[in-house]
Amino acid sequence: HKGKAKIDRDAYIQFIKDNQVKIAVNLDVLGDDKASFENWLYISKHVKVMPVYHFNDDIEHLHFYIENSDYVGLSATNAVAQNQMRLYLDKIFTQYPEHRFHLFGCASIPILTTYPVYSADSTSWQNGTRMGWVITRYGNFFLNNNRNVPADVEEFLRIEYGLMSLSDYENTARFGEEINKVNISELNYLLCNSKVEF
């Protein structure tokens, strides 16, 4: 987990059992691969849990995970450059081409189309709304003082959602929260029928 919260391993095991979780992920201790490894050893005695290998962890942990789990998570921190990640992935997939791997925090099309990953996840699709973008199939619109948004779309956002311009908010995160309230179906309809060409 990323926060400073302490999660009780036994409570986590019970949660997995009570909720019949099919794929649970190990409790990581970021920056302490030994503690993460110990968590996995303990939890996996009670329930099936996916181990997670961080690219700077002890490589022996990865080998052990692969030998003892049919599904292994791979995680690169933001500090790992994409070319560094490719070096790791080259080594891993060359040595274990048939193993099932999940890439955490990866939405890179070149990475996902180069390597035979089993699954991946990412929150980068939310980045636009965090920074004030309205992302639609008709185009992306940034709502700030220099915006290129059709006037009727802007009016709709302000009337229907009480949305102000980015500069009216105390920070971009708050603005992103407001953008997330927008009904994209309505906005798409409006953009399709906008009187303004864009």
Protein backbone atom coordinates (compact mmCIF):
# COMPACT_ATOMS: atom_id res chain seq x y z
CA HIS A 1 0.00 0.00 0.00
CA LYS A 2 1.12 3.56 -0.61
CA GLY A 3 0.02 5.32 2.54
CA LYS A 4 1.34 5.30 6.07
CA ALA A 5 -1.62 3.30 7.32
CA LYS A 6 -0.88 0.05 9.07
CA ILE A 7 -3.00 -2.85 7.85
CA ASP A 8 -3.31 -5.86 10.10
CA ARG A 9 -2.38 -8.98 8.14
CA ASP A 10 -4.88 -11.20 9.97
CA ALA A 11 -7.67 -8.69 9.39
CA TYR A 12 -6.71 -8.57 5.71
CA ILE A 13 -6.80 -12.37 5.49
CA GLN A 14 -10.23 -12.40 7.13
CA PHE A 15 -11.46 -9.70 4.74
CA ILE A 16 -10.32 -11.78 1.75
CA LYS A 17 -12.11 -14.85 3.11
CA ASP A 18 -15.29 -13.03 4.14
CA ASN A 19 -15.62 -11.32 0.77
CA GLN A 20 -14.51 -14.32 -1.29
CA VAL A 21 -11.93 -12.19 -3.07
CA LYS A 22 -10.68 -14.09 -6.10
CA ILE A 23 -7.47 -12.12 -6.68
CA ALA A 24 -5.99 -10.36 -3.68
CA VAL A 25 -2.72 -8.47 -3.72
CA ASN A 26 0.00 -8.77 -1.12
CA LEU A 27 0.42 -6.05 1.47
CA ASP A 28 3.52 -4.20 0.31
CA VAL A 29 5.82 -2.24 2.52
CA LEU A 30 7.26 0.22 0.03
CA GLY A 31 11.00 0.55 0.33
CA ASP A 32 11.27 -2.63 2.39
CA ASP A 33 11.17 -5.64 0.09
CA LYS A 34 12.11 -7.99 2.94
CA ALA A 35 9.02 -6.94 4.93
CA SER A 36 6.85 -7.27 1.80
CA PHE A 37 8.28 -10.75 1.20
CA GLU A 38 7.54 -11.73 4.82
CA ASN A 39 3.98 -10.42 4.45
CA TRP A 40 3.51 -12.58 1.36
CA LEU A 41 4.90 -15.69 3.07
CA TYR A 42 2.52 -15.19 6.00
CA ILE A 43 -0.62 -14.24 4.06
CA SER A 44 -0.18 -16.89 1.35
CA LYS A 45 -0.32 -19.62 4.01
CA HIS A 46 -3.97 -18.67 4.59
CA VAL A 47 -5.31 -17.32 1.27
CA LYS A 48 -4.22 -17.00 -2.33
CA VAL A 49 -2.53 -13.64 -2.72
CA MET A 50 -0.59 -12.12 -5.60
CA PRO A 51 2.99 -11.23 -4.69
CA VAL A 52 4.31 -7.93 -6.02
CA TYR A 53 7.86 -7.41 -7.21
CA HIS A 54 9.14 -3.83 -7.31
CA PHE A 55 11.89 -3.34 -9.86
CA ASN A 56 14.54 -2.40 -7.33
CA ASP A 57 13.78 -5.29 -4.96
CA ASP A 58 16.01 -8.31 -4.42
CA ILE A 59 15.82 -10.37 -7.64
CA GLU A 60 15.77 -13.58 -5.60
CA HIS A 61 12.33 -12.58 -4.32
CA LEU A 62 11.06 -12.42 -7.90
CA HIS A 63 12.43 -15.90 -8.65
CA PHE A 64 10.82 -17.26 -5.49
CA TYR A 65 7.47 -15.61 -6.31
CA ILE A 66 7.50 -17.09 -9.82
CA GLU A 67 8.29 -20.57 -8.49
CA ASN A 68 5.52 -20.37 -5.89
CA SER A 69 2.75 -18.29 -7.45
CA ASP A 70 1.05 -18.56 -10.83
CA TYR A 71 0.32 -14.82 -10.97
CA VAL A 72 2.93 -12.19 -10.04
CA GLY A 73 2.55 -8.42 -9.93
CA LEU A 74 5.31 -6.18 -11.28
CA SER A 75 5.47 -2.61 -10.10
CA ALA A 76 7.67 0.25 -11.22
CA THR A 77 7.83 3.34 -9.08
CA ASN A 78 7.59 6.73 -10.73
CA ALA A 79 11.36 7.00 -10.24
CA VAL A 80 11.95 4.19 -12.75
CA ALA A 81 12.36 5.59 -16.25
CA GLN A 82 10.62 3.77 -19.09
CA ASN A 83 13.95 2.66 -20.62
CA GLN A 84 14.98 1.22 -17.22
CA MET A 85 11.61 -0.55 -16.97
CA ARG A 86 12.16 -2.04 -20.44
CA LEU A 87 15.51 -3.48 -19.30
CA TYR A 88 13.81 -5.19 -16.36
CA LEU A 89 10.94 -6.44 -18.49
CA ASP A 90 13.31 -7.73 -21.17
CA LYS A 91 15.11 -9.85 -18.56
CA ILE A 92 11.91 -11.03 -16.87
CA PHE A 93 10.00 -11.97 -20.03
CA THR A 94 13.05 -13.58 -21.64
CA GLN A 95 13.48 -15.80 -18.61
CA TYR A 96 9.76 -16.36 -17.89
CA PRO A 97 7.86 -15.89 -21.19
CA GLU A 98 4.89 -18.06 -20.19
CA HIS A 99 4.32 -16.77 -16.67
CA ARG A 100 1.29 -14.61 -15.85
CA PHE A 101 2.31 -11.07 -14.85
CA HIS A 102 0.23 -8.08 -13.84
CA LEU A 103 1.81 -4.65 -14.44
CA PHE A 104 0.82 -2.16 -11.78
CA GLY A 105 0.53 1.48 -12.83
CA CYS A 106 1.26 0.89 -16.50
CA ALA A 107 -0.81 2.26 -19.37
CA SER A 108 2.08 2.61 -21.81
CA ILE A 109 0.91 1.27 -25.16
CA PRO A 110 4.50 0.49 -26.29
CA ILE A 111 5.11 -1.52 -23.09
CA LEU A 112 1.75 -3.31 -23.21
CA THR A 113 2.14 -4.25 -26.87
CA THR A 114 5.78 -5.33 -26.60
CA TYR A 115 5.52 -7.73 -23.67
CA PRO A 116 3.07 -10.63 -23.17
CA VAL A 117 1.56 -9.24 -19.96
CA TYR A 118 -1.49 -11.02 -18.61
CA SER A 119 -3.07 -7.88 -17.13
CA ALA A 120 -2.31 -4.27 -16.21
CA ASP A 121 -3.85 -1.32 -14.44
CA SER A 122 -3.39 2.42 -14.27
CA THR A 123 -5.06 5.55 -13.00
CA SER A 124 -3.53 7.79 -15.67
CA TRP A 125 -6.91 7.98 -17.44
CA GLN A 126 -7.97 10.24 -14.53
CA ASN A 127 -5.11 12.70 -15.03
CA GLY A 128 -7.09 14.92 -17.35
CA THR A 129 -9.86 15.60 -14.89
CA ARG A 130 -7.36 16.20 -12.10
CA MET A 131 -5.88 19.00 -14.13
CA GLY A 132 -9.10 20.46 -15.52
CA TRP A 133 -9.44 18.60 -18.80
CA VAL A 134 -12.79 17.39 -20.02
CA ILE A 135 -11.90 14.39 -22.15
CA THR A 136 -14.46 13.24 -24.71
CA ARG A 137 -14.45 11.31 -27.94
CA TYR A 138 -14.98 14.64 -29.69
CA GLY A 139 -11.86 16.18 -28.30
CA ASN A 140 -10.24 17.33 -25.08
CA PHE A 141 -11.13 20.67 -23.56
CA PHE A 142 -9.12 22.45 -20.91
CA LEU A 143 -11.26 24.70 -18.77
CA ASN A 144 -9.07 27.63 -17.83
CA ASN A 145 -8.79 31.25 -18.81
CA ASN A 146 -7.08 30.29 -22.08
CA ARG A 147 -9.56 27.58 -22.90
CA ASN A 148 -10.77 26.65 -26.32
CA VAL A 149 -14.22 25.52 -25.28
CA PRO A 150 -17.35 26.36 -27.26
CA ALA A 151 -19.35 29.03 -25.46
CA ASP A 152 -22.49 26.88 -25.22
CA VAL A 153 -20.44 24.02 -23.70
CA GLU A 154 -18.93 26.35 -21.15
CA GLU A 155 -22.36 27.74 -20.32
CA PHE A 156 -23.73 24.20 -19.92
CA LEU A 157 -20.91 23.28 -17.51
CA ARG A 158 -21.44 26.40 -15.46
CA ILE A 159 -25.24 26.13 -15.31
CA GLU A 160 -25.63 22.37 -14.89
CA TYR A 161 -22.62 21.73 -12.68
CA GLY A 162 -21.78 25.12 -11.20
CA LEU A 163 -18.32 24.73 -12.68
CA MET A 164 -16.09 27.75 -12.48
CA SER A 165 -12.86 28.31 -14.36
CA LEU A 166 -9.68 26.75 -12.99
CA SER A 167 -8.44 30.09 -11.66
CA ASP A 168 -11.55 30.33 -9.44
CA TYR A 169 -10.56 27.21 -7.49
CA GLU A 170 -8.04 27.13 -4.69
CA ASN A 171 -6.17 24.27 -6.36
CA THR A 172 -6.30 22.00 -9.37
CA ALA A 173 -7.25 18.95 -7.28
CA ARG A 174 -10.47 20.66 -6.15
CA PHE A 175 -11.20 21.62 -9.75
CA GLY A 176 -10.61 18.00 -10.80
CA GLU A 177 -13.15 16.82 -8.20
CA GLU A 178 -15.74 19.15 -9.70
CA ILE A 179 -14.95 18.02 -13.26
CA ASN A 180 -15.51 14.41 -12.18
CA LYS A 181 -19.16 15.29 -11.45
CA VAL A 182 -19.79 16.13 -15.10
CA ASN A 183 -22.14 13.74 -16.90
CA ILE A 184 -20.01 12.86 -19.92
CA SER A 185 -23.02 11.58 -21.90
CA GLU A 186 -24.69 14.97 -21.64
CA LEU A 187 -21.46 16.73 -22.48
CA ASN A 188 -20.84 14.51 -25.50
CA TYR A 189 -24.35 15.23 -26.76
CA LEU A 190 -23.78 18.95 -26.34
CA LEU A 191 -20.40 18.78 -28.08
CA CYS A 192 -22.00 16.89 -31.00
CA ASN A 193 -24.66 19.53 -31.35
CA SER A 194 -22.54 22.56 -30.49
CA LYS A 195 -23.15 25.57 -32.71
CA VAL A 196 -19.46 26.41 -32.47
CA GLU A 197 -17.05 24.54 -34.72
CA PHE A 198 -14.02 23.08 -33.02
